[in-house]
Amino acid sequence: MKKINEKATELVKITLVTLTFLMIFVVPPASLVTHIINCLLNEKYLLLIIGVIAFPVGIIHGIGIWFGVNW
């Protein structure tokens, strides 16, 4: 029983490390690229400029696009 708990704990650690890596290094750049492409295609240049200068706005906008929110 002890080995099963150790394996489960190790699996949880690996999962958390992987999800943390994705949330820090993969999601923000991908959502920012989504923001830039969407703003260029829809001719929303003011939102493009704001989202690139204040990049958290661009990241939130990009994630919103993934979930179907259109501004």
C-alpha atoms as a PDB file:
ATOM      1  CA  MET A   1       0.000   0.000   0.000  1.00  0.00           C
ATOM      2  CA  LYS A   2       2.898   2.329   0.748  1.00  0.00           C
ATOM      3  CA  LYS A   3       4.309   1.994  -2.781  1.00  0.00           C
ATOM      4  CA  ILE A   4       0.934   2.926  -4.292  1.00  0.00           C
ATOM      5  CA  ASN A   5       0.797   6.101  -2.176  1.00  0.00           C
ATOM      6  CA  GLU A   6       4.356   7.007  -3.171  1.00  0.00           C
ATOM      7  CA  LYS A   7       3.558   6.524  -6.845  1.00  0.00           C
ATOM      8  CA  ALA A   8       0.382   8.571  -6.543  1.00  0.00           C
ATOM      9  CA  THR A   9       2.259  11.352  -4.777  1.00  0.00           C
ATOM     10  CA  GLU A  10       4.948  11.338  -7.455  1.00  0.00           C
ATOM     11  CA  LEU A  11       2.312  11.452 -10.191  1.00  0.00           C
ATOM     12  CA  VAL A  12       0.630  14.441  -8.542  1.00  0.00           C
ATOM     13  CA  LYS A  13       3.982  16.238  -8.291  1.00  0.00           C
ATOM     14  CA  ILE A  14       4.760  15.620 -11.949  1.00  0.00           C
ATOM     15  CA  THR A  15       1.286  16.791 -12.971  1.00  0.00           C
ATOM     16  CA  LEU A  16       1.552  19.992 -10.945  1.00  0.00           C
ATOM     17  CA  VAL A  17       4.999  20.784 -12.328  1.00  0.00           C
ATOM     18  CA  THR A  18       3.778  20.198 -15.881  1.00  0.00           C
ATOM     19  CA  LEU A  19       0.665  22.351 -15.441  1.00  0.00           C
ATOM     20  CA  THR A  20       2.696  25.112 -13.815  1.00  0.00           C
ATOM     21  CA  PHE A  21       5.168  25.069 -16.683  1.00  0.00           C
ATOM     22  CA  LEU A  22       2.345  25.284 -19.212  1.00  0.00           C
ATOM     23  CA  MET A  23       0.584  28.115 -17.386  1.00  0.00           C
ATOM     24  CA  ILE A  24       3.768  30.172 -17.129  1.00  0.00           C
ATOM     25  CA  PHE A  25       5.646  29.504 -20.363  1.00  0.00           C
ATOM     26  CA  VAL A  26       3.128  28.287 -22.968  1.00  0.00           C
ATOM     27  CA  VAL A  27      -0.282  29.867 -22.362  1.00  0.00           C
ATOM     28  CA  PRO A  28       0.725  33.574 -22.164  1.00  0.00           C
ATOM     29  CA  PRO A  29       2.727  33.685 -25.435  1.00  0.00           C
ATOM     30  CA  ALA A  30       0.122  31.613 -27.273  1.00  0.00           C
ATOM     31  CA  SER A  31      -2.737  33.816 -26.073  1.00  0.00           C
ATOM     32  CA  LEU A  32      -0.791  36.963 -26.967  1.00  0.00           C
ATOM     33  CA  VAL A  33      -0.235  35.644 -30.502  1.00  0.00           C
ATOM     34  CA  THR A  34      -3.971  34.874 -30.686  1.00  0.00           C
ATOM     35  CA  HIS A  35      -4.709  38.442 -29.572  1.00  0.00           C
ATOM     36  CA  ILE A  36      -2.409  39.935 -32.202  1.00  0.00           C
ATOM     37  CA  ILE A  37      -3.756  37.825 -35.070  1.00  0.00           C
ATOM     38  CA  ASN A  38      -7.383  38.433 -34.084  1.00  0.00           C
ATOM     39  CA  CYS A  39      -6.892  42.192 -33.782  1.00  0.00           C
ATOM     40  CA  LEU A  40      -5.177  42.374 -37.168  1.00  0.00           C
ATOM     41  CA  LEU A  41      -7.847  40.297 -38.902  1.00  0.00           C
ATOM     42  CA  ASN A  42     -10.707  42.279 -37.352  1.00  0.00           C
ATOM     43  CA  GLU A  43      -8.979  45.658 -37.800  1.00  0.00           C
ATOM     44  CA  LYS A  44      -9.054  46.484 -34.083  1.00  0.00           C
ATOM     45  CA  TYR A  45      -5.845  48.477 -34.098  1.00  0.00           C
ATOM     46  CA  LEU A  46      -6.410  50.392 -30.863  1.00  0.00           C
ATOM     47  CA  LEU A  47      -6.986  47.154 -28.951  1.00  0.00           C
ATOM     48  CA  LEU A  48      -3.904  45.716 -30.670  1.00  0.00           C
ATOM     49  CA  ILE A  49      -1.723  48.597 -29.494  1.00  0.00           C
ATOM     50  CA  ILE A  50      -3.117  48.496 -25.954  1.00  0.00           C
ATOM     51  CA  GLY A  51      -2.731  44.714 -25.768  1.00  0.00           C
ATOM     52  CA  VAL A  52       0.883  44.806 -26.923  1.00  0.00           C
ATOM     53  CA  ILE A  53       1.948  47.677 -24.669  1.00  0.00           C
ATOM     54  CA  ALA A  54       0.031  46.420 -21.616  1.00  0.00           C
ATOM     55  CA  PHE A  55       0.541  42.740 -22.394  1.00  0.00           C
ATOM     56  CA  PRO A  56      -1.716  41.370 -19.610  1.00  0.00           C
ATOM     57  CA  VAL A  57      -4.627  42.921 -21.533  1.00  0.00           C
ATOM     58  CA  GLY A  58      -3.515  41.032 -24.629  1.00  0.00           C
ATOM     59  CA  ILE A  59      -3.154  37.791 -22.705  1.00  0.00           C
ATOM     60  CA  ILE A  60      -6.629  38.098 -21.182  1.00  0.00           C
ATOM     61  CA  HIS A  61      -8.071  39.006 -24.583  1.00  0.00           C
ATOM     62  CA  GLY A  62      -6.357  36.027 -26.229  1.00  0.00           C
ATOM     63  CA  ILE A  63      -7.655  33.603 -23.597  1.00  0.00           C
ATOM     64  CA  GLY A  64     -11.103  35.163 -23.951  1.00  0.00           C
ATOM     65  CA  ILE A  65     -11.010  34.493 -27.685  1.00  0.00           C
ATOM     66  CA  TRP A  66     -10.247  30.835 -26.978  1.00  0.00           C
ATOM     67  CA  PHE A  67     -13.413  30.662 -24.881  1.00  0.00           C
ATOM     68  CA  GLY A  68     -15.531  32.453 -27.466  1.00  0.00           C
ATOM     69  CA  VAL A  69     -15.640  35.966 -25.995  1.00  0.00           C
ATOM     70  CA  ASN A  70     -15.493  38.623 -28.695  1.00  0.00           C
ATOM     71  CA  TRP A  71     -14.794  42.261 -27.852  1.00  0.00           C
END
